[in-house]
Amino acid sequence: MLNIDVLKEFGANTDEGISRCMGKEDFYLMLVGKVINDKRLTALESQLKEKDLTAAFETAHALKGMYANLSLDPLTRPVSEMTELLRSRTDTDYTALLEEAKSQFEKLCSL
């Protein structure tokens, strides 16, 4: 069951995330639940496969903001790296970063 303790074990900076949610733990947990239902990571994977770097940048940037605002650090790091590469439309192999993000997302979903 999703709670603060398991999110801390996952690597989330829950104190920081809750602070951004006006100190409301229940609000924070609700927003993290919405992250679990978000499908944009799958969209990012498709955009990268299609080499649509502009769309991939927009998606990665949105994900970075969502993950960072909730202090979901294990997800923020790989998506932030992708965002910065995509900002300049760098055509490179994003496989390792994407796989790390997907792995971390799966861990989050299994909590």
C-alpha atoms as a PDB file:
ATOM      1  CA  MET A   1       0.000   0.000   0.000  1.00  0.00           C
ATOM      2  CA  LEU A   2       1.267   3.429  -0.928  1.00  0.00           C
ATOM      3  CA  ASN A   3       2.377   5.358   2.134  1.00  0.00           C
ATOM      4  CA  ILE A   4       5.143   7.717   3.203  1.00  0.00           C
ATOM      5  CA  ASP A   5       7.402   4.981   4.567  1.00  0.00           C
ATOM      6  CA  VAL A   6       7.410   2.930   1.352  1.00  0.00           C
ATOM      7  CA  LEU A   7       7.951   6.082  -0.702  1.00  0.00           C
ATOM      8  CA  LYS A   8      10.964   6.917   1.457  1.00  0.00           C
ATOM      9  CA  GLU A   9      12.319   3.393   0.892  1.00  0.00           C
ATOM     10  CA  PHE A  10      11.781   3.936  -2.834  1.00  0.00           C
ATOM     11  CA  GLY A  11      14.024   6.995  -2.584  1.00  0.00           C
ATOM     12  CA  ALA A  12      11.484   9.803  -2.654  1.00  0.00           C
ATOM     13  CA  ASN A  13      12.268  12.880  -0.614  1.00  0.00           C
ATOM     14  CA  THR A  14       8.839  12.826   0.990  1.00  0.00           C
ATOM     15  CA  ASP A  15       9.538  15.685   3.402  1.00  0.00           C
ATOM     16  CA  GLU A  16      10.283  17.969   0.480  1.00  0.00           C
ATOM     17  CA  GLY A  17       7.327  16.659  -1.547  1.00  0.00           C
ATOM     18  CA  ILE A  18       4.876  17.094   1.324  1.00  0.00           C
ATOM     19  CA  SER A  19       6.234  20.591   1.905  1.00  0.00           C
ATOM     20  CA  ARG A  20       5.349  21.435  -1.697  1.00  0.00           C
ATOM     21  CA  CYS A  21       1.848  20.124  -0.981  1.00  0.00           C
ATOM     22  CA  MET A  22       1.260  22.669   1.794  1.00  0.00           C
ATOM     23  CA  GLY A  23       2.231  20.083   4.403  1.00  0.00           C
ATOM     24  CA  LYS A  24      -0.727  17.875   3.505  1.00  0.00           C
ATOM     25  CA  GLU A  25       0.401  14.248   3.455  1.00  0.00           C
ATOM     26  CA  ASP A  26      -2.932  12.983   2.092  1.00  0.00           C
ATOM     27  CA  PHE A  27      -2.749  15.470  -0.801  1.00  0.00           C
ATOM     28  CA  TYR A  28       0.814  14.389  -1.557  1.00  0.00           C
ATOM     29  CA  LEU A  29      -0.173  10.704  -1.592  1.00  0.00           C
ATOM     30  CA  MET A  30      -3.124  11.482  -3.873  1.00  0.00           C
ATOM     31  CA  LEU A  31      -0.804  13.226  -6.336  1.00  0.00           C
ATOM     32  CA  VAL A  32       1.681  10.350  -6.255  1.00  0.00           C
ATOM     33  CA  GLY A  33      -1.267   8.064  -7.033  1.00  0.00           C
ATOM     34  CA  LYS A  34      -1.977  10.182 -10.107  1.00  0.00           C
ATOM     35  CA  VAL A  35       1.642   9.714 -11.214  1.00  0.00           C
ATOM     36  CA  ILE A  36       1.104   5.959 -11.135  1.00  0.00           C
ATOM     37  CA  ASN A  37      -1.823   6.340 -13.558  1.00  0.00           C
ATOM     38  CA  ASP A  38       0.050   8.705 -15.891  1.00  0.00           C
ATOM     39  CA  LYS A  39       0.786   7.270 -19.357  1.00  0.00           C
ATOM     40  CA  ARG A  40       3.277   9.867 -20.595  1.00  0.00           C
ATOM     41  CA  LEU A  41       6.336   7.689 -20.002  1.00  0.00           C
ATOM     42  CA  THR A  42       4.931   5.266 -22.585  1.00  0.00           C
ATOM     43  CA  ALA A  43       4.303   8.214 -24.907  1.00  0.00           C
ATOM     44  CA  LEU A  44       7.905   9.351 -24.420  1.00  0.00           C
ATOM     45  CA  GLU A  45       9.153   5.912 -25.386  1.00  0.00           C
ATOM     46  CA  SER A  46       7.118   6.016 -28.614  1.00  0.00           C
ATOM     47  CA  GLN A  47       8.272   9.536 -29.434  1.00  0.00           C
ATOM     48  CA  LEU A  48      11.897   8.554 -28.988  1.00  0.00           C
ATOM     49  CA  LYS A  49      11.468   5.473 -31.192  1.00  0.00           C
ATOM     50  CA  GLU A  50       9.891   7.666 -33.865  1.00  0.00           C
ATOM     51  CA  LYS A  51      12.705  10.232 -33.478  1.00  0.00           C
ATOM     52  CA  ASP A  52      10.138  12.959 -32.778  1.00  0.00           C
ATOM     53  CA  LEU A  53      12.580  14.867 -30.614  1.00  0.00           C
ATOM     54  CA  THR A  54      10.402  17.955 -30.279  1.00  0.00           C
ATOM     55  CA  ALA A  55       7.443  15.988 -28.911  1.00  0.00           C
ATOM     56  CA  ALA A  56       9.811  13.890 -26.791  1.00  0.00           C
ATOM     57  CA  PHE A  57      11.269  17.060 -25.271  1.00  0.00           C
ATOM     58  CA  GLU A  58       7.811  18.373 -24.385  1.00  0.00           C
ATOM     59  CA  THR A  59       6.825  15.060 -22.799  1.00  0.00           C
ATOM     60  CA  ALA A  60      10.113  14.620 -20.932  1.00  0.00           C
ATOM     61  CA  HIS A  61       9.931  18.196 -19.658  1.00  0.00           C
ATOM     62  CA  ALA A  62       6.389  17.646 -18.335  1.00  0.00           C
ATOM     63  CA  LEU A  63       7.430  14.391 -16.654  1.00  0.00           C
ATOM     64  CA  LYS A  64      10.479  16.037 -15.134  1.00  0.00           C
ATOM     65  CA  GLY A  65       8.292  18.729 -13.602  1.00  0.00           C
ATOM     66  CA  MET A  66       5.783  16.245 -12.244  1.00  0.00           C
ATOM     67  CA  TYR A  67       8.407  13.925 -10.758  1.00  0.00           C
ATOM     68  CA  ALA A  68      10.556  16.747  -9.380  1.00  0.00           C
ATOM     69  CA  ASN A  69       7.663  18.602  -7.775  1.00  0.00           C
ATOM     70  CA  LEU A  70       6.730  15.439  -5.897  1.00  0.00           C
ATOM     71  CA  SER A  71      10.408  14.745  -5.125  1.00  0.00           C
ATOM     72  CA  LEU A  72      10.288  11.308  -6.727  1.00  0.00           C
ATOM     73  CA  ASP A  73      14.062  11.404  -7.070  1.00  0.00           C
ATOM     74  CA  PRO A  74      14.613   7.942  -8.619  1.00  0.00           C
ATOM     75  CA  LEU A  75      12.375   9.000 -11.522  1.00  0.00           C
ATOM     76  CA  THR A  76      13.518  12.602 -11.683  1.00  0.00           C
ATOM     77  CA  ARG A  77      17.183  11.837 -12.397  1.00  0.00           C
ATOM     78  CA  PRO A  78      16.894   9.850 -15.656  1.00  0.00           C
ATOM     79  CA  VAL A  79      14.055  11.998 -16.982  1.00  0.00           C
ATOM     80  CA  SER A  80      16.003  15.175 -16.190  1.00  0.00           C
ATOM     81  CA  GLU A  81      18.990  13.868 -18.132  1.00  0.00           C
ATOM     82  CA  MET A  82      16.760  13.042 -21.095  1.00  0.00           C
ATOM     83  CA  THR A  83      15.128  16.468 -20.906  1.00  0.00           C
ATOM     84  CA  GLU A  84      18.444  18.275 -21.088  1.00  0.00           C
ATOM     85  CA  LEU A  85      19.616  16.212 -24.057  1.00  0.00           C
ATOM     86  CA  LEU A  86      16.293  16.692 -25.801  1.00  0.00           C
ATOM     87  CA  ARG A  87      16.303  20.428 -25.122  1.00  0.00           C
ATOM     88  CA  SER A  88      18.934  20.728 -27.866  1.00  0.00           C
ATOM     89  CA  ARG A  89      17.227  17.938 -29.879  1.00  0.00           C
ATOM     90  CA  THR A  90      20.221  15.652 -29.429  1.00  0.00           C
ATOM     91  CA  ASP A  91      19.724  12.548 -31.566  1.00  0.00           C
ATOM     92  CA  THR A  92      21.343   9.888 -29.395  1.00  0.00           C
ATOM     93  CA  ASP A  93      20.561   6.511 -27.903  1.00  0.00           C
ATOM     94  CA  TYR A  94      18.191   7.154 -25.005  1.00  0.00           C
ATOM     95  CA  THR A  95      17.745   3.455 -24.228  1.00  0.00           C
ATOM     96  CA  ALA A  96      19.658   3.353 -20.932  1.00  0.00           C
ATOM     97  CA  LEU A  97      17.949   6.441 -19.496  1.00  0.00           C
ATOM     98  CA  LEU A  98      14.541   5.310 -20.707  1.00  0.00           C
ATOM     99  CA  GLU A  99      15.014   1.825 -19.262  1.00  0.00           C
ATOM    100  CA  GLU A 100      16.083   3.304 -15.929  1.00  0.00           C
ATOM    101  CA  ALA A 101      13.019   5.555 -15.866  1.00  0.00           C
ATOM    102  CA  LYS A 102      10.731   2.659 -16.780  1.00  0.00           C
ATOM    103  CA  SER A 103      12.308   0.446 -14.124  1.00  0.00           C
ATOM    104  CA  GLN A 104      11.866   3.108 -11.460  1.00  0.00           C
ATOM    105  CA  PHE A 105       8.299   3.729 -12.597  1.00  0.00           C
ATOM    106  CA  GLU A 106       7.531   0.013 -12.319  1.00  0.00           C
ATOM    107  CA  LYS A 107       9.006   0.005  -8.796  1.00  0.00           C
ATOM    108  CA  LEU A 108       6.821   2.950  -7.871  1.00  0.00           C
ATOM    109  CA  CYS A 109       3.730   1.231  -9.292  1.00  0.00           C
ATOM    110  CA  SER A 110       4.465  -1.904  -7.275  1.00  0.00           C
ATOM    111  CA  LEU A 111       4.547  -0.059  -3.927  1.00  0.00           C
END
